[in-house]
Amino acid sequence: HPRAELDEPEPDERTTVIAVTGEIHVSTAPEFSRRLNDAIARGKTGLVLDLEQVTFIDSTGLSVLLNALRRVTRRGGRLAIVCTNPTVLRLFQITRLDTTFDLRSSLGSALDGVRA
């Protein structure tokens, strides 16, 4: 039974949660990017990225996140990231993107953040 790598519940018509499992790197980033762009194209202005099950992100993955943030912000929307994995959080800190992204420790908090 193959397990879905990306899960997309939609709490309301403007909000979507994209949950990612595994690693976001050069070979998985294009599919991740496509899912993000599809959500934005469908008019989602509240984007929550659940990275709780993500173990690793490389620079390609980070650039996908930055592009999504830029596109959502340009449409007057918000993007929040759920992340508590110390390894992944450290990457955001090292690259100083912890101040760029709205990083949250729970899904509920992230949903509140994009709906504010």
PDB file of N, CA and C in Angstrom:
ATOM      1  N   HIS A   1       0.857  -1.192   0.000  1.00  0.00           N
ATOM      2  CA  HIS A   1       0.000   0.000   0.000  1.00  0.00           C
ATOM      3  C   HIS A   1       0.887   1.234   0.000  1.00  0.00           C
ATOM      4  N   PRO A   2       1.069   1.870  -1.158  1.00  0.00           N
ATOM      5  CA  PRO A   2       1.954   3.033  -1.208  1.00  0.00           C
ATOM      6  C   PRO A   2       1.389   4.184  -0.392  1.00  0.00           C
ATOM      7  N   ARG A   3       2.262   4.855   0.304  1.00  0.00           N
ATOM      8  CA  ARG A   3       1.771   5.921   1.162  1.00  0.00           C
ATOM      9  C   ARG A   3       1.925   7.250   0.450  1.00  0.00           C
ATOM     10  N   ALA A   4       0.902   8.056   0.524  1.00  0.00           N
ATOM     11  CA  ALA A   4       0.913   9.355  -0.162  1.00  0.00           C
ATOM     12  C   ALA A   4       2.001  10.237   0.424  1.00  0.00           C
ATOM     13  N   GLU A   5       2.781  10.808  -0.435  1.00  0.00           N
ATOM     14  CA  GLU A   5       3.844  11.699   0.012  1.00  0.00           C
ATOM     15  C   GLU A   5       3.297  13.082   0.334  1.00  0.00           C
ATOM     16  N   LEU A   6       2.235  13.443  -0.354  1.00  0.00           N
ATOM     17  CA  LEU A   6       1.649  14.762  -0.147  1.00  0.00           C
ATOM     18  C   LEU A   6       0.171  14.598   0.158  1.00  0.00           C
ATOM     19  N   ASP A   7      -0.255  15.252   1.208  1.00  0.00           N
ATOM     20  CA  ASP A   7      -1.644  15.145   1.636  1.00  0.00           C
ATOM     21  C   ASP A   7      -2.195  16.566   1.681  1.00  0.00           C
ATOM     22  N   GLU A   8      -3.386  16.762   1.154  1.00  0.00           N
ATOM     23  CA  GLU A   8      -3.911  18.127   1.051  1.00  0.00           C
ATOM     24  C   GLU A   8      -5.313  18.331   1.586  1.00  0.00           C
ATOM     25  N   PRO A   9      -5.494  18.379   2.884  1.00  0.00           N
ATOM     26  CA  PRO A   9      -6.827  18.713   3.381  1.00  0.00           C
ATOM     27  C   PRO A   9      -7.124  20.197   3.132  1.00  0.00           C
ATOM     28  N   GLU A  10      -8.390  20.533   2.955  1.00  0.00           N
ATOM     29  CA  GLU A  10      -8.749  21.927   2.731  1.00  0.00           C
ATOM     30  C   GLU A  10      -9.755  22.372   3.784  1.00  0.00           C
ATOM     31  N   PRO A  11      -9.286  23.044   4.830  1.00  0.00           N
ATOM     32  CA  PRO A  11     -10.157  23.472   5.931  1.00  0.00           C
ATOM     33  C   PRO A  11     -11.267  24.427   5.495  1.00  0.00           C
ATOM     34  N   ASP A  12     -10.998  25.273   4.507  1.00  0.00           N
ATOM     35  CA  ASP A  12     -12.044  26.142   3.955  1.00  0.00           C
ATOM     36  C   ASP A  12     -11.640  26.529   2.535  1.00  0.00           C
ATOM     37  N   GLU A  13     -12.480  27.306   1.857  1.00  0.00           N
ATOM     38  CA  GLU A  13     -12.234  27.535   0.427  1.00  0.00           C
ATOM     39  C   GLU A  13     -10.989  28.367   0.130  1.00  0.00           C
ATOM     40  N   ARG A  14     -10.525  29.123   1.112  1.00  0.00           N
ATOM     41  CA  ARG A  14      -9.335  29.942   0.863  1.00  0.00           C
ATOM     42  C   ARG A  14      -8.055  29.318   1.399  1.00  0.00           C
ATOM     43  N   THR A  15      -8.228  28.297   2.245  1.00  0.00           N
ATOM     44  CA  THR A  15      -7.082  27.730   2.943  1.00  0.00           C
ATOM     45  C   THR A  15      -6.793  26.318   2.490  1.00  0.00           C
ATOM     46  N   THR A  16      -5.522  26.001   2.344  1.00  0.00           N
ATOM     47  CA  THR A  16      -5.154  24.620   2.063  1.00  0.00           C
ATOM     48  C   THR A  16      -3.949  24.237   2.910  1.00  0.00           C
ATOM     49  N   VAL A  17      -3.918  22.982   3.294  1.00  0.00           N
ATOM     50  CA  VAL A  17      -2.783  22.456   4.050  1.00  0.00           C
ATOM     51  C   VAL A  17      -2.074  21.452   3.155  1.00  0.00           C
ATOM     52  N   ILE A  18      -0.803  21.684   2.912  1.00  0.00           N
ATOM     53  CA  ILE A  18      -0.023  20.726   2.131  1.00  0.00           C
ATOM     54  C   ILE A  18       0.973  20.070   3.080  1.00  0.00           C
ATOM     55  N   ALA A  19       0.746  18.793   3.335  1.00  0.00           N
ATOM     56  CA  ALA A  19       1.623  18.045   4.243  1.00  0.00           C
ATOM     57  C   ALA A  19       2.622  17.258   3.414  1.00  0.00           C
ATOM     58  N   VAL A  20       3.878  17.395   3.779  1.00  0.00           N
ATOM     59  CA  VAL A  20       4.946  16.737   3.030  1.00  0.00           C
ATOM     60  C   VAL A  20       5.649  15.728   3.930  1.00  0.00           C
ATOM     61  N   THR A  21       5.986  14.587   3.350  1.00  0.00           N
ATOM     62  CA  THR A  21       6.694  13.543   4.081  1.00  0.00           C
ATOM     63  C   THR A  21       8.024  13.266   3.396  1.00  0.00           C
ATOM     64  N   GLY A  22       9.066  13.072   4.194  1.00  0.00           N
ATOM     65  CA  GLY A  22      10.351  12.683   3.628  1.00  0.00           C
ATOM     66  C   GLY A  22      11.289  13.850   3.415  1.00  0.00           C
ATOM     67  N   GLU A  23      11.925  13.872   2.248  1.00  0.00           N
ATOM     68  CA  GLU A  23      12.932  14.897   1.973  1.00  0.00           C
ATOM     69  C   GLU A  23      12.493  15.789   0.823  1.00  0.00           C
ATOM     70  N   ILE A  24      12.798  17.079   0.959  1.00  0.00           N
ATOM     71  CA  ILE A  24      12.539  18.016  -0.140  1.00  0.00           C
ATOM     72  C   ILE A  24      13.907  18.402  -0.683  1.00  0.00           C
ATOM     73  N   HIS A  25      14.237  17.827  -1.824  1.00  0.00           N
ATOM     74  CA  HIS A  25      15.531  18.135  -2.426  1.00  0.00           C
ATOM     75  C   HIS A  25      15.387  18.224  -3.934  1.00  0.00           C
ATOM     76  N   VAL A  26      16.522  18.256  -4.623  1.00  0.00           N
ATOM     77  CA  VAL A  26      16.506  18.522  -6.063  1.00  0.00           C
ATOM     78  C   VAL A  26      15.579  17.595  -6.854  1.00  0.00           C
ATOM     79  N   SER A  27      15.427  16.329  -6.440  1.00  0.00           N
ATOM     80  CA  SER A  27      14.571  15.436  -7.229  1.00  0.00           C
ATOM     81  C   SER A  27      13.103  15.444  -6.814  1.00  0.00           C
ATOM     82  N   THR A  28      12.798  15.876  -5.573  1.00  0.00           N
ATOM     83  CA  THR A  28      11.395  15.910  -5.142  1.00  0.00           C
ATOM     84  C   THR A  28      10.811  17.323  -5.207  1.00  0.00           C
ATOM     85  N   ALA A  29      11.663  18.329  -5.285  1.00  0.00           N
ATOM     86  CA  ALA A  29      11.207  19.724  -5.287  1.00  0.00           C
ATOM     87  C   ALA A  29      10.263  20.086  -6.448  1.00  0.00           C
ATOM     88  N   PRO A  30      10.493  19.579  -7.666  1.00  0.00           N
ATOM     89  CA  PRO A  30       9.601  19.963  -8.763  1.00  0.00           C
ATOM     90  C   PRO A  30       8.137  19.588  -8.509  1.00  0.00           C
ATOM     91  N   GLU A  31       7.890  18.390  -7.986  1.00  0.00           N
ATOM     92  CA  GLU A  31       6.517  17.956  -7.699  1.00  0.00           C
ATOM     93  C   GLU A  31       5.921  18.818  -6.577  1.00  0.00           C
ATOM     94  N   PHE A  32       6.730  19.080  -5.556  1.00  0.00           N
ATOM     95  CA  PHE A  32       6.313  19.930  -4.436  1.00  0.00           C
ATOM     96  C   PHE A  32       5.950  21.326  -4.965  1.00  0.00           C
ATOM     97  N   SER A  33       6.795  21.854  -5.827  1.00  0.00           N
ATOM     98  CA  SER A  33       6.582  23.167  -6.413  1.00  0.00           C
ATOM     99  C   SER A  33       5.281  23.199  -7.224  1.00  0.00           C
ATOM    100  N   ARG A  34       5.038  22.135  -7.982  1.00  0.00           N
ATOM    101  CA  ARG A  34       3.836  22.058  -8.805  1.00  0.00           C
ATOM    102  C   ARG A  34       2.580  22.074  -7.928  1.00  0.00           C
ATOM    103  N   ARG A  35       2.620  21.338  -6.811  1.00  0.00           N
ATOM    104  CA  ARG A  35       1.471  21.299  -5.900  1.00  0.00           C
ATOM    105  C   ARG A  35       1.207  22.674  -5.291  1.00  0.00           C
ATOM    106  N   LEU A  36       2.274  23.350  -4.914  1.00  0.00           N
ATOM    107  CA  LEU A  36       2.138  24.698  -4.345  1.00  0.00           C
ATOM    108  C   LEU A  36       1.550  25.651  -5.380  1.00  0.00           C
ATOM    109  N   ASN A  37       2.106  25.606  -6.585  1.00  0.00           N
ATOM    110  CA  ASN A  37       1.633  26.502  -7.641  1.00  0.00           C
ATOM    111  C   ASN A  37       0.183  26.228  -8.009  1.00  0.00           C
ATOM    112  N   ASP A  38      -0.200  24.952  -8.014  1.00  0.00           N
ATOM    113  CA  ASP A  38      -1.596  24.588  -8.294  1.00  0.00           C
ATOM    114  C   ASP A  38      -2.527  25.193  -7.250  1.00  0.00           C
ATOM    115  N   ALA A  39      -2.140  25.074  -5.987  1.00  0.00           N
ATOM    116  CA  ALA A  39      -2.966  25.607  -4.893  1.00  0.00           C
ATOM    117  C   ALA A  39      -3.128  27.116  -5.037  1.00  0.00           C
ATOM    118  N   ILE A  40      -2.033  27.792  -5.337  1.00  0.00           N
ATOM    119  CA  ILE A  40      -2.065  29.249  -5.490  1.00  0.00           C
ATOM    120  C   ILE A  40      -2.921  29.628  -6.701  1.00  0.00           C
ATOM    121  N   ALA A  41      -2.772  28.866  -7.783  1.00  0.00           N
ATOM    122  CA  ALA A  41      -3.542  29.123  -9.001  1.00  0.00           C
ATOM    123  C   ALA A  41      -5.043  28.925  -8.766  1.00  0.00           C
ATOM    124  N   ARG A  42      -5.391  28.016  -7.824  1.00  0.00           N
ATOM    125  CA  ARG A  42      -6.798  27.776  -7.501  1.00  0.00           C
ATOM    126  C   ARG A  42      -7.356  28.852  -6.570  1.00  0.00           C
ATOM    127  N   GLY A  43      -6.547  29.866  -6.262  1.00  0.00           N
ATOM    128  CA  GLY A  43      -7.028  30.969  -5.446  1.00  0.00           C
ATOM    129  C   GLY A  43      -6.861  30.784  -3.952  1.00  0.00           C
ATOM    130  N   LYS A  44      -6.028  29.826  -3.558  1.00  0.00           N
ATOM    131  CA  LYS A  44      -5.784  29.634  -2.126  1.00  0.00           C
ATOM    132  C   LYS A  44      -4.883  30.757  -1.633  1.00  0.00           C
ATOM    133  N   THR A  45      -5.384  31.517  -0.653  1.00  0.00           N
ATOM    134  CA  THR A  45      -4.583  32.628  -0.135  1.00  0.00           C
ATOM    135  C   THR A  45      -4.053  32.324   1.263  1.00  0.00           C
ATOM    136  N   GLY A  46      -4.523  31.229   1.841  1.00  0.00           N
ATOM    137  CA  GLY A  46      -3.999  30.787   3.137  1.00  0.00           C
ATOM    138  C   GLY A  46      -3.323  29.450   2.915  1.00  0.00           C
ATOM    139  N   LEU A  47      -2.008  29.473   2.864  1.00  0.00           N
ATOM    140  CA  LEU A  47      -1.258  28.262   2.558  1.00  0.00           C
ATOM    141  C   LEU A  47      -0.511  27.801   3.805  1.00  0.00           C
ATOM    142  N   VAL A  48      -0.830  26.588   4.267  1.00  0.00           N
ATOM    143  CA  VAL A  48      -0.112  26.024   5.408  1.00  0.00           C
ATOM    144  C   VAL A  48       0.701  24.837   4.899  1.00  0.00           C
ATOM    145  N   LEU A  49       2.002  24.890   5.131  1.00  0.00           N
ATOM    146  CA  LEU A  49       2.864  23.779   4.741  1.00  0.00           C
ATOM    147  C   LEU A  49       3.226  23.005   5.995  1.00  0.00           C
ATOM    148  N   ASP A  50       2.737  21.782   6.069  1.00  0.00           N
ATOM    149  CA  ASP A  50       3.011  20.942   7.225  1.00  0.00           C
ATOM    150  C   ASP A  50       4.263  20.129   6.944  1.00  0.00           C
ATOM    151  N   LEU A  51       5.386  20.557   7.538  1.00  0.00           N
ATOM    152  CA  LEU A  51       6.666  19.890   7.308  1.00  0.00           C
ATOM    153  C   LEU A  51       7.059  19.014   8.495  1.00  0.00           C
ATOM    154  N   GLU A  52       6.083  18.646   9.315  1.00  0.00           N
ATOM    155  CA  GLU A  52       6.353  17.836  10.497  1.00  0.00           C
ATOM    156  C   GLU A  52       7.039  16.512  10.165  1.00  0.00           C
ATOM    157  N   GLN A  53       6.694  15.924   9.015  1.00  0.00           N
ATOM    158  CA  GLN A  53       7.271  14.635   8.635  1.00  0.00           C
ATOM    159  C   GLN A  53       8.440  14.781   7.664  1.00  0.00           C
ATOM    160  N   VAL A  54       8.910  16.023   7.498  1.00  0.00           N
ATOM    161  CA  VAL A  54      10.054  16.256   6.608  1.00  0.00           C
ATOM    162  C   VAL A  54      11.336  16.117   7.413  1.00  0.00           C
ATOM    163  N   THR A  55      12.275  15.346   6.868  1.00  0.00           N
ATOM    164  CA  THR A  55      13.525  15.095   7.592  1.00  0.00           C
ATOM    165  C   THR A  55      14.673  15.936   7.058  1.00  0.00           C
ATOM    166  N   PHE A  56      14.522  16.453   5.847  1.00  0.00           N
ATOM    167  CA  PHE A  56      15.619  17.176   5.221  1.00  0.00           C
ATOM    168  C   PHE A  56      15.103  18.096   4.125  1.00  0.00           C
ATOM    169  N   ILE A  57      15.688  19.281   4.041  1.00  0.00           N
ATOM    170  CA  ILE A  57      15.406  20.206   2.934  1.00  0.00           C
ATOM    171  C   ILE A  57      16.739  20.723   2.430  1.00  0.00           C
ATOM    172  N   ASP A  58      16.912  20.744   1.107  1.00  0.00           N
ATOM    173  CA  ASP A  58      18.145  21.338   0.581  1.00  0.00           C
ATOM    174  C   ASP A  58      17.839  22.725   0.017  1.00  0.00           C
ATOM    175  N   SER A  59      18.823  23.337  -0.613  1.00  0.00           N
ATOM    176  CA  SER A  59      18.646  24.707  -1.109  1.00  0.00           C
ATOM    177  C   SER A  59      17.564  24.794  -2.187  1.00  0.00           C
ATOM    178  N   THR A  60      17.406  23.719  -2.960  1.00  0.00           N
ATOM    179  CA  THR A  60      16.347  23.697  -3.972  1.00  0.00           C
ATOM    180  C   THR A  60      14.984  23.771  -3.298  1.00  0.00           C
ATOM    181  N   GLY A  61      14.819  22.980  -2.236  1.00  0.00           N
ATOM    182  CA  GLY A  61      13.573  22.980  -1.475  1.00  0.00           C
ATOM    183  C   GLY A  61      13.289  24.347  -0.879  1.00  0.00           C
ATOM    184  N   LEU A  62      14.329  24.973  -0.337  1.00  0.00           N
ATOM    185  CA  LEU A  62      14.150  26.305   0.255  1.00  0.00           C
ATOM    186  C   LEU A  62      13.737  27.328  -0.799  1.00  0.00           C
ATOM    187  N   SER A  63      14.300  27.219  -1.995  1.00  0.00           N
ATOM    188  CA  SER A  63      13.927  28.180  -3.035  1.00  0.00           C
ATOM    189  C   SER A  63      12.479  27.979  -3.476  1.00  0.00           C
ATOM    190  N   VAL A  64      12.003  26.723  -3.460  1.00  0.00           N
ATOM    191  CA  VAL A  64      10.589  26.451  -3.758  1.00  0.00           C
ATOM    192  C   VAL A  64       9.704  27.142  -2.711  1.00  0.00           C
ATOM    193  N   LEU A  65      10.096  27.032  -1.436  1.00  0.00           N
ATOM    194  CA  LEU A  65       9.341  27.672  -0.355  1.00  0.00           C
ATOM    195  C   LEU A  65       9.322  29.189  -0.527  1.00  0.00           C
ATOM    196  N   LEU A  66      10.472  29.758  -0.865  1.00  0.00           N
ATOM    197  CA  LEU A  66      10.563  31.209  -1.049  1.00  0.00           C
ATOM    198  C   LEU A  66       9.696  31.681  -2.211  1.00  0.00           C
ATOM    199  N   ASN A  67       9.717  30.923  -3.305  1.00  0.00           N
ATOM    200  CA  ASN A  67       8.890  31.281  -4.457  1.00  0.00           C
ATOM    201  C   ASN A  67       7.410  31.251  -4.102  1.00  0.00           C
ATOM    202  N   ALA A  68       7.009  30.228  -3.350  1.00  0.00           N
ATOM    203  CA  ALA A  68       5.607  30.109  -2.936  1.00  0.00           C
ATOM    204  C   ALA A  68       5.227  31.287  -2.042  1.00  0.00           C
ATOM    205  N   LEU A  69       6.107  31.638  -1.117  1.00  0.00           N
ATOM    206  CA  LEU A  69       5.853  32.764  -0.214  1.00  0.00           C
ATOM    207  C   LEU A  69       5.652  34.045  -1.019  1.00  0.00           C
ATOM    208  N   ARG A  70       6.523  34.259  -2.002  1.00  0.00           N
ATOM    209  CA  ARG A  70       6.458  35.447  -2.836  1.00  0.00           C
ATOM    210  C   ARG A  70       5.132  35.512  -3.599  1.00  0.00           C
ATOM    211  N   ARG A  71       4.740  34.374  -4.194  1.00  0.00           N
ATOM    212  CA  ARG A  71       3.510  34.339  -4.992  1.00  0.00           C
ATOM    213  C   ARG A  71       2.264  34.550  -4.138  1.00  0.00           C
ATOM    214  N   VAL A  72       2.230  33.930  -2.967  1.00  0.00           N
ATOM    215  CA  VAL A  72       1.076  34.074  -2.077  1.00  0.00           C
ATOM    216  C   VAL A  72       0.978  35.508  -1.554  1.00  0.00           C
ATOM    217  N   THR A  73       2.124  36.061  -1.163  1.00  0.00           N
ATOM    218  CA  THR A  73       2.158  37.422  -0.626  1.00  0.00           C
ATOM    219  C   THR A  73       1.707  38.431  -1.677  1.00  0.00           C
ATOM    220  N   ARG A  74       2.129  38.202  -2.921  1.00  0.00           N
ATOM    221  CA  ARG A  74       1.756  39.095  -4.019  1.00  0.00           C
ATOM    222  C   ARG A  74       0.241  39.123  -4.214  1.00  0.00           C
ATOM    223  N   ARG A  75      -0.427  38.018  -3.865  1.00  0.00           N
ATOM    224  CA  ARG A  75      -1.880  37.952  -3.997  1.00  0.00           C
ATOM    225  C   ARG A  75      -2.593  38.356  -2.705  1.00  0.00           C
ATOM    226  N   GLY A  76      -1.834  38.917  -1.776  1.00  0.00           N
ATOM    227  CA  GLY A  76      -2.433  39.361  -0.529  1.00  0.00           C
ATOM    228  C   GLY A  76      -2.720  38.223   0.439  1.00  0.00           C
ATOM    229  N   GLY A  77      -2.075  37.087   0.220  1.00  0.00           N
ATOM    230  CA  GLY A  77      -2.296  35.939   1.088  1.00  0.00           C
ATOM    231  C   GLY A  77      -1.195  35.745   2.112  1.00  0.00           C
ATOM    232  N   ARG A  78      -1.296  34.630   2.833  1.00  0.00           N
ATOM    233  CA  ARG A  78      -0.303  34.321   3.860  1.00  0.00           C
ATOM    234  C   ARG A  78       0.129  32.866   3.750  1.00  0.00           C
ATOM    235  N   LEU A  79       1.366  32.639   4.176  1.00  0.00           N
ATOM    236  CA  LEU A  79       1.904  31.285   4.183  1.00  0.00           C
ATOM    237  C   LEU A  79       2.503  31.023   5.561  1.00  0.00           C
ATOM    238  N   ALA A  80       2.160  29.871   6.136  1.00  0.00           N
ATOM    239  CA  ALA A  80       2.749  29.484   7.415  1.00  0.00           C
ATOM    240  C   ALA A  80       3.305  28.068   7.283  1.00  0.00           C
ATOM    241  N   ILE A  81       4.366  27.808   8.018  1.00  0.00           N
ATOM    242  CA  ILE A  81       5.024  26.507   7.968  1.00  0.00           C
ATOM    243  C   ILE A  81       4.997  25.860   9.343  1.00  0.00           C
ATOM    244  N   VAL A  82       4.499  24.617   9.399  1.00  0.00           N
ATOM    245  CA  VAL A  82       4.504  23.861  10.650  1.00  0.00           C
ATOM    246  C   VAL A  82       5.784  23.043  10.664  1.00  0.00           C
ATOM    247  N   CYS A  83       6.649  23.313  11.638  1.00  0.00           N
ATOM    248  CA  CYS A  83       7.906  22.601  11.701  1.00  0.00           C
ATOM    249  C   CYS A  83       8.445  22.579  13.129  1.00  0.00           C
ATOM    250  N   THR A  84       8.708  21.382  13.646  1.00  0.00           N
ATOM    251  CA  THR A  84       9.319  21.268  14.976  1.00  0.00           C
ATOM    252  C   THR A  84      10.587  20.421  14.936  1.00  0.00           C
ATOM    253  N   ASN A  85      10.883  19.842  13.781  1.00  0.00           N
ATOM    254  CA  ASN A  85      12.090  19.022  13.642  1.00  0.00           C
ATOM    255  C   ASN A  85      13.326  19.913  13.788  1.00  0.00           C
ATOM    256  N   PRO A  86      14.165  19.639  14.807  1.00  0.00           N
ATOM    257  CA  PRO A  86      15.327  20.503  15.077  1.00  0.00           C
ATOM    258  C   PRO A  86      16.277  20.626  13.885  1.00  0.00           C
ATOM    259  N   THR A  87      16.444  19.541  13.134  1.00  0.00           N
ATOM    260  CA  THR A  87      17.341  19.558  11.973  1.00  0.00           C
ATOM    261  C   THR A  87      16.841  20.524  10.914  1.00  0.00           C
ATOM    262  N   VAL A  88      15.542  20.471  10.640  1.00  0.00           N
ATOM    263  CA  VAL A  88      14.942  21.328   9.625  1.00  0.00           C
ATOM    264  C   VAL A  88      14.887  22.775  10.124  1.00  0.00           C
ATOM    265  N   LEU A  89      14.524  22.959  11.392  1.00  0.00           N
ATOM    266  CA  LEU A  89      14.493  24.314  11.965  1.00  0.00           C
ATOM    267  C   LEU A  89      15.876  24.956  11.913  1.00  0.00           C
ATOM    268  N   ARG A  90      16.903  24.142  12.192  1.00  0.00           N
ATOM    269  CA  ARG A  90      18.279  24.635  12.174  1.00  0.00           C
ATOM    270  C   ARG A  90      18.622  25.183  10.790  1.00  0.00           C
ATOM    271  N   LEU A  91      18.148  24.494   9.763  1.00  0.00           N
ATOM    272  CA  LEU A  91      18.404  24.944   8.395  1.00  0.00           C
ATOM    273  C   LEU A  91      17.786  26.322   8.152  1.00  0.00           C
ATOM    274  N   PHE A  92      16.543  26.513   8.645  1.00  0.00           N
ATOM    275  CA  PHE A  92      15.908  27.824   8.514  1.00  0.00           C
ATOM    276  C   PHE A  92      16.728  28.886   9.255  1.00  0.00           C
ATOM    277  N   GLN A  93      17.276  28.515  10.415  1.00  0.00           N
ATOM    278  CA  GLN A  93      18.062  29.468  11.207  1.00  0.00           C
ATOM    279  C   GLN A  93      19.379  29.819  10.530  1.00  0.00           C
ATOM    280  N   ILE A  94      20.095  28.804  10.057  1.00  0.00           N
ATOM    281  CA  ILE A  94      21.388  29.013   9.397  1.00  0.00           C
ATOM    282  C   ILE A  94      21.232  29.938   8.193  1.00  0.00           C
ATOM    283  N   THR A  95      20.176  29.734   7.426  1.00  0.00           N
ATOM    284  CA  THR A  95      19.962  30.524   6.213  1.00  0.00           C
ATOM    285  C   THR A  95      19.244  31.845   6.517  1.00  0.00           C
ATOM    286  N   ARG A  96      18.955  32.059   7.794  1.00  0.00           N
ATOM    287  CA  ARG A  96      18.242  33.254   8.271  1.00  0.00           C
ATOM    288  C   ARG A  96      16.825  33.354   7.741  1.00  0.00           C
ATOM    289  N   LEU A  97      16.293  32.245   7.245  1.00  0.00           N
ATOM    290  CA  LEU A  97      14.936  32.258   6.716  1.00  0.00           C
ATOM    291  C   LEU A  97      13.909  32.088   7.823  1.00  0.00           C
ATOM    292  N   ASP A  98      14.392  31.867   9.049  1.00  0.00           N
ATOM    293  CA  ASP A  98      13.462  31.755  10.180  1.00  0.00           C
ATOM    294  C   ASP A  98      12.767  33.087  10.441  1.00  0.00           C
ATOM    295  N   THR A  99      13.364  34.186   9.943  1.00  0.00           N
ATOM    296  CA  THR A  99      12.718  35.493  10.107  1.00  0.00           C
ATOM    297  C   THR A  99      11.840  35.823   8.896  1.00  0.00           C
ATOM    298  N   THR A 100      12.080  35.121   7.790  1.00  0.00           N
ATOM    299  CA  THR A 100      11.322  35.345   6.558  1.00  0.00           C
ATOM    300  C   THR A 100       9.995  34.607   6.604  1.00  0.00           C
ATOM    301  N   PHE A 101      10.052  33.358   7.086  1.00  0.00           N
ATOM    302  CA  PHE A 101       8.859  32.517   7.120  1.00  0.00           C
ATOM    303  C   PHE A 101       8.149  32.590   8.461  1.00  0.00           C
ATOM    304  N   ASP A 102       6.855  32.361   8.414  1.00  0.00           N
ATOM    305  CA  ASP A 102       6.043  32.279   9.622  1.00  0.00           C
ATOM    306  C   ASP A 102       6.092  30.815  10.073  1.00  0.00           C
ATOM    307  N   LEU A 103       7.048  30.501  10.943  1.00  0.00           N
ATOM    308  CA  LEU A 103       7.233  29.131  11.413  1.00  0.00           C
ATOM    309  C   LEU A 103       6.392  28.890  12.654  1.00  0.00           C
ATOM    310  N   ARG A 104       5.600  27.813  12.635  1.00  0.00           N
ATOM    311  CA  ARG A 104       4.701  27.492  13.742  1.00  0.00           C
ATOM    312  C   ARG A 104       4.975  26.101  14.277  1.00  0.00           C
ATOM    313  N   SER A 105       4.632  25.895  15.549  1.00  0.00           N
ATOM    314  CA  SER A 105       4.904  24.601  16.161  1.00  0.00           C
ATOM    315  C   SER A 105       3.706  23.654  16.120  1.00  0.00           C
ATOM    316  N   SER A 106       2.556  24.143  15.612  1.00  0.00           N
ATOM    317  CA  SER A 106       1.402  23.253  15.503  1.00  0.00           C
ATOM    318  C   SER A 106       0.539  23.663  14.317  1.00  0.00           C
ATOM    319  N   LEU A 107      -0.236  22.708  13.822  1.00  0.00           N
ATOM    320  CA  LEU A 107      -1.122  22.961  12.700  1.00  0.00           C
ATOM    321  C   LEU A 107      -2.171  24.009  13.059  1.00  0.00           C
ATOM    322  N   GLY A 108      -2.725  23.907  14.262  1.00  0.00           N
ATOM    323  CA  GLY A 108      -3.742  24.864  14.710  1.00  0.00           C
ATOM    324  C   GLY A 108      -3.214  26.290  14.697  1.00  0.00           C
ATOM    325  N   SER A 109      -1.999  26.452  15.194  1.00  0.00           N
ATOM    326  CA  SER A 109      -1.372  27.765  15.240  1.00  0.00           C
ATOM    327  C   SER A 109      -1.120  28.299  13.826  1.00  0.00           C
ATOM    328  N   ALA A 110      -0.691  27.406  12.933  1.00  0.00           N
ATOM    329  CA  ALA A 110      -0.424  27.811  11.544  1.00  0.00           C
ATOM    330  C   ALA A 110      -1.712  28.236  10.847  1.00  0.00           C
ATOM    331  N   LEU A 111      -2.786  27.482  11.090  1.00  0.00           N
ATOM    332  CA  LEU A 111      -4.087  27.843  10.492  1.00  0.00           C
ATOM    333  C   LEU A 111      -4.553  29.203  11.003  1.00  0.00           C
ATOM    334  N   ASP A 112      -4.375  29.443  12.304  1.00  0.00           N
ATOM    335  CA  ASP A 112      -4.718  30.754  12.867  1.00  0.00           C
ATOM    336  C   ASP A 112      -3.897  31.838  12.183  1.00  0.00           C
ATOM    337  N   GLY A 113      -2.634  31.533  11.945  1.00  0.00           N
ATOM    338  CA  GLY A 113      -1.726  32.507  11.336  1.00  0.00           C
ATOM    339  C   GLY A 113      -2.125  32.915   9.936  1.00  0.00           C
ATOM    340  N   VAL A 114      -2.549  31.959   9.122  1.00  0.00           N
ATOM    341  CA  VAL A 114      -2.910  32.321   7.739  1.00  0.00           C
ATOM    342  C   VAL A 114      -4.317  32.904   7.646  1.00  0.00           C
ATOM    343  N   ARG A 115      -5.117  32.703   8.687  1.00  0.00           N
ATOM    344  CA  ARG A 115      -6.477  33.244   8.645  1.00  0.00           C
ATOM    345  C   ARG A 115      -6.560  34.616   9.307  1.00  0.00           C
ATOM    346  N   ALA A 116      -5.502  35.006   9.978  1.00  0.00           N
ATOM    347  CA  ALA A 116      -5.507  36.297  10.722  1.00  0.00           C
ATOM    348  C   ALA A 116      -5.765  37.475   9.784  1.00  0.00           C
TER     349      ALA A 116
END
